[in-house]
Amino acid sequence: DESIKRTIGKTLEDSFSILTGITDKNTLISYKKEYVKEADIHMTANTKFFPETVAVLKALKKRGAQIGIISTKLIASYWDAGSGSITIGGEDVKKAKPSPQGLLKALRCLHRKKKDTLYIGDSIIDAQTALLAGVDFVGVLNGMTTREELAEYRHRQILPDLTLLPLINK
């Protein structure tokens, strides 16, 4: 279980390679196809925000924040983003995180500048995405990544969870 959890945020191909040692690209692609068939049935129904997420997103929206969610999972149905917000899924980009493609697409759609953007994430992949996009990063310890691992990357803060996020000025 621990090994599987440590692959959260990575592409499916990378995750399968890490977990099995298989590096053949065609084999990994076939694994992904099989996985996606089952994930479409089970994963979407079982994907949920962390308990405090919706309240924090609402508090940020109330303060006038524009919110972009960049995720490999389909989570739009769990939060009504409304105007001034966007959800970018894996199906909306050609390259997965840590490529900044999804984040940069959200910035374009929201008409935001990099200097006015704060990217929040709970993995090394998220920290790398922010770095590659050239935006500020706040790490959150909701996931499997430790404070020490996140601290290796440029960051404004590392928070124990999302509840302190509305107190950050950006």
Protein backbone atom coordinates (compact mmCIF):
# COMPACT_ATOMS: atom_id res chain seq x y z
CA ASP A 1 0.00 0.00 0.00
CA GLU A 2 2.80 2.41 0.92
CA SER A 3 4.56 1.88 -2.43
CA ILE A 4 1.33 2.51 -4.32
CA LYS A 5 0.57 5.67 -2.34
CA ARG A 6 4.05 7.03 -3.16
CA THR A 7 3.14 7.00 -6.87
CA ILE A 8 0.24 9.44 -6.42
CA GLY A 9 0.71 12.36 -8.79
CA LYS A 10 2.86 10.42 -11.25
CA THR A 11 1.66 9.31 -14.68
CA LEU A 12 0.16 5.85 -14.86
CA GLU A 13 3.06 4.64 -16.99
CA ASP A 14 5.60 5.92 -14.45
CA SER A 15 3.60 4.42 -11.59
CA PHE A 16 3.39 1.00 -13.24
CA SER A 17 7.11 1.07 -14.03
CA ILE A 18 8.01 2.02 -10.44
CA LEU A 19 5.78 -0.70 -8.99
CA THR A 20 6.67 -3.52 -11.39
CA GLY A 21 10.14 -2.70 -12.70
CA ILE A 22 8.80 -2.99 -16.26
CA THR A 23 10.21 -0.36 -18.61
CA ASP A 24 8.90 -1.51 -22.00
CA LYS A 25 6.82 1.40 -23.30
CA ASN A 26 4.29 -0.76 -25.18
CA THR A 27 3.65 -2.93 -22.12
CA LEU A 28 3.15 0.14 -19.94
CA ILE A 29 0.74 1.64 -22.49
CA SER A 30 -1.29 -1.59 -22.54
CA TYR A 31 -1.41 -1.57 -18.72
CA LYS A 32 -2.67 1.99 -18.82
CA LYS A 33 -5.46 1.10 -21.26
CA GLU A 34 -6.64 -1.74 -19.02
CA TYR A 35 -6.40 0.41 -15.90
CA VAL A 36 -8.36 3.30 -17.42
CA LYS A 37 -11.25 0.95 -18.30
CA GLU A 38 -11.65 0.01 -14.65
CA ALA A 39 -10.82 3.48 -13.31
CA ASP A 40 -13.64 5.01 -15.34
CA ILE A 41 -16.03 2.66 -13.55
CA HIS A 42 -14.66 2.79 -9.99
CA MET A 43 -12.29 5.69 -9.50
CA THR A 44 -14.50 8.62 -10.46
CA ALA A 45 -17.25 7.47 -8.10
CA ASN A 46 -14.74 7.11 -5.25
CA THR A 47 -12.76 10.32 -5.81
CA LYS A 48 -13.42 12.87 -3.10
CA PHE A 49 -11.89 16.11 -1.90
CA PHE A 50 -10.12 16.21 1.44
CA PRO A 51 -12.74 17.12 4.11
CA GLU A 52 -11.74 20.80 4.42
CA THR A 53 -11.26 21.46 0.68
CA VAL A 54 -14.70 22.71 -0.33
CA ALA A 55 -14.94 25.07 2.67
CA VAL A 56 -11.48 26.48 1.88
CA LEU A 57 -12.31 26.90 -1.81
CA LYS A 58 -15.52 28.74 -0.90
CA ALA A 59 -13.63 31.01 1.53
CA LEU A 60 -11.05 31.82 -1.13
CA LYS A 61 -13.76 32.53 -3.73
CA LYS A 62 -15.50 34.82 -1.24
CA ARG A 63 -12.24 36.79 -0.95
CA GLY A 64 -12.24 37.19 -4.75
CA ALA A 65 -9.72 34.49 -5.64
CA GLN A 66 -9.87 32.83 -9.01
CA ILE A 67 -9.34 29.11 -8.67
CA GLY A 68 -7.88 26.63 -11.10
CA ILE A 69 -7.84 22.95 -10.26
CA ILE A 70 -5.33 20.90 -12.23
CA SER A 71 -5.86 17.20 -11.59
CA THR A 72 -5.52 13.85 -13.30
CA LYS A 73 -8.84 12.83 -11.73
CA LEU A 74 -12.27 13.98 -12.74
CA ILE A 75 -13.33 16.04 -9.75
CA ALA A 76 -15.38 18.83 -11.28
CA SER A 77 -18.61 17.21 -10.13
CA TYR A 78 -17.59 17.55 -6.47
CA TRP A 79 -17.37 21.32 -6.46
CA ASP A 80 -19.32 23.90 -8.42
CA ALA A 81 -16.46 26.18 -9.43
CA GLY A 82 -18.68 28.89 -10.90
CA SER A 83 -17.35 31.89 -12.77
CA GLY A 84 -13.71 32.86 -12.38
CA SER A 85 -12.67 29.25 -11.87
CA ILE A 86 -11.55 26.37 -14.05
CA THR A 87 -10.86 22.66 -13.76
CA ILE A 88 -8.17 21.17 -16.01
CA GLY A 89 -8.05 17.38 -16.18
CA GLY A 90 -5.63 14.95 -17.73
CA GLU A 91 -7.83 14.83 -20.82
CA ASP A 92 -7.31 18.59 -21.35
CA VAL A 93 -3.52 18.43 -21.80
CA LYS A 94 -1.00 16.50 -23.87
CA LYS A 95 1.64 16.29 -21.13
CA ALA A 96 0.98 15.34 -17.52
CA LYS A 97 2.42 17.12 -14.51
CA PRO A 98 5.16 18.03 -13.79
CA SER A 99 4.78 19.58 -17.22
CA PRO A 100 3.32 23.02 -16.52
CA GLN A 101 0.96 22.69 -19.50
CA GLY A 102 -2.22 22.36 -17.41
CA LEU A 103 -1.26 25.16 -15.04
CA LEU A 104 -0.30 27.50 -17.89
CA LYS A 105 -3.57 26.68 -19.66
CA ALA A 106 -5.50 27.61 -16.51
CA LEU A 107 -3.60 30.90 -16.27
CA ARG A 108 -4.44 31.73 -19.88
CA CYS A 109 -8.12 30.85 -19.43
CA LEU A 110 -8.36 32.91 -16.23
CA HIS A 111 -6.32 35.78 -17.71
CA ARG A 112 -3.85 35.61 -14.81
CA LYS A 113 -0.18 36.51 -14.63
CA LYS A 114 2.40 34.15 -13.18
CA LYS A 115 3.47 36.73 -10.60
CA ASP A 116 -0.10 36.85 -9.24
CA THR A 117 -0.48 33.08 -9.00
CA LEU A 118 -0.13 30.74 -6.05
CA TYR A 119 -0.03 27.02 -6.83
CA ILE A 120 -0.98 24.67 -4.00
CA GLY A 121 -0.08 21.01 -4.01
CA ASP A 122 0.76 18.03 -1.86
CA SER A 123 3.41 16.23 -3.90
CA ILE A 124 6.86 16.62 -5.38
CA ILE A 125 5.15 16.54 -8.78
CA ASP A 126 3.14 19.63 -7.75
CA ALA A 127 6.27 21.41 -6.51
CA GLN A 128 8.01 20.64 -9.80
CA THR A 129 4.98 21.85 -11.78
CA ALA A 130 5.02 25.21 -9.98
CA LEU A 131 8.78 25.54 -10.49
CA LEU A 132 8.56 24.76 -14.22
CA ALA A 133 5.64 27.19 -14.62
CA GLY A 134 7.48 29.93 -12.74
CA VAL A 135 4.79 30.49 -10.10
CA ASP A 136 4.87 30.57 -6.30
CA PHE A 137 4.17 27.28 -4.53
CA VAL A 138 2.61 26.35 -1.19
CA GLY A 139 2.98 22.75 -0.10
CA VAL A 140 0.27 21.00 1.88
CA LEU A 141 0.91 17.85 3.89
CA ASN A 142 -2.37 16.10 3.01
CA GLY A 143 -0.68 13.55 0.78
CA MET A 144 2.16 11.08 1.14
CA THR A 145 4.94 13.63 0.58
CA THR A 146 6.80 14.72 3.69
CA ARG A 147 7.66 18.26 4.78
CA GLU A 148 11.33 17.50 4.14
CA GLU A 149 10.64 16.34 0.58
CA LEU A 150 8.57 19.45 -0.23
CA ALA A 151 11.14 21.72 1.42
CA GLU A 152 13.69 20.71 -1.22
CA TYR A 153 11.73 22.83 -3.71
CA ARG A 154 11.20 26.58 -3.83
CA HIS A 155 8.11 27.33 -1.76
CA ARG A 156 6.39 30.14 0.12
CA GLN A 157 5.12 27.90 2.89
CA ILE A 158 4.41 24.31 3.80
CA LEU A 159 1.10 23.90 5.62
CA PRO A 160 -0.20 20.94 7.65
CA ASP A 161 -3.49 21.08 5.70
CA LEU A 162 -5.60 23.48 3.63
CA THR A 163 -7.34 25.23 6.52
CA LEU A 164 -4.63 27.91 6.85
CA LEU A 165 -4.67 28.69 3.14
CA PRO A 166 -7.21 31.56 3.27
CA LEU A 167 -4.81 33.41 5.63
CA ILE A 168 -2.07 33.60 2.99
CA ASN A 169 -1.91 36.84 1.03
CA LYS A 170 -1.28 36.52 -2.70
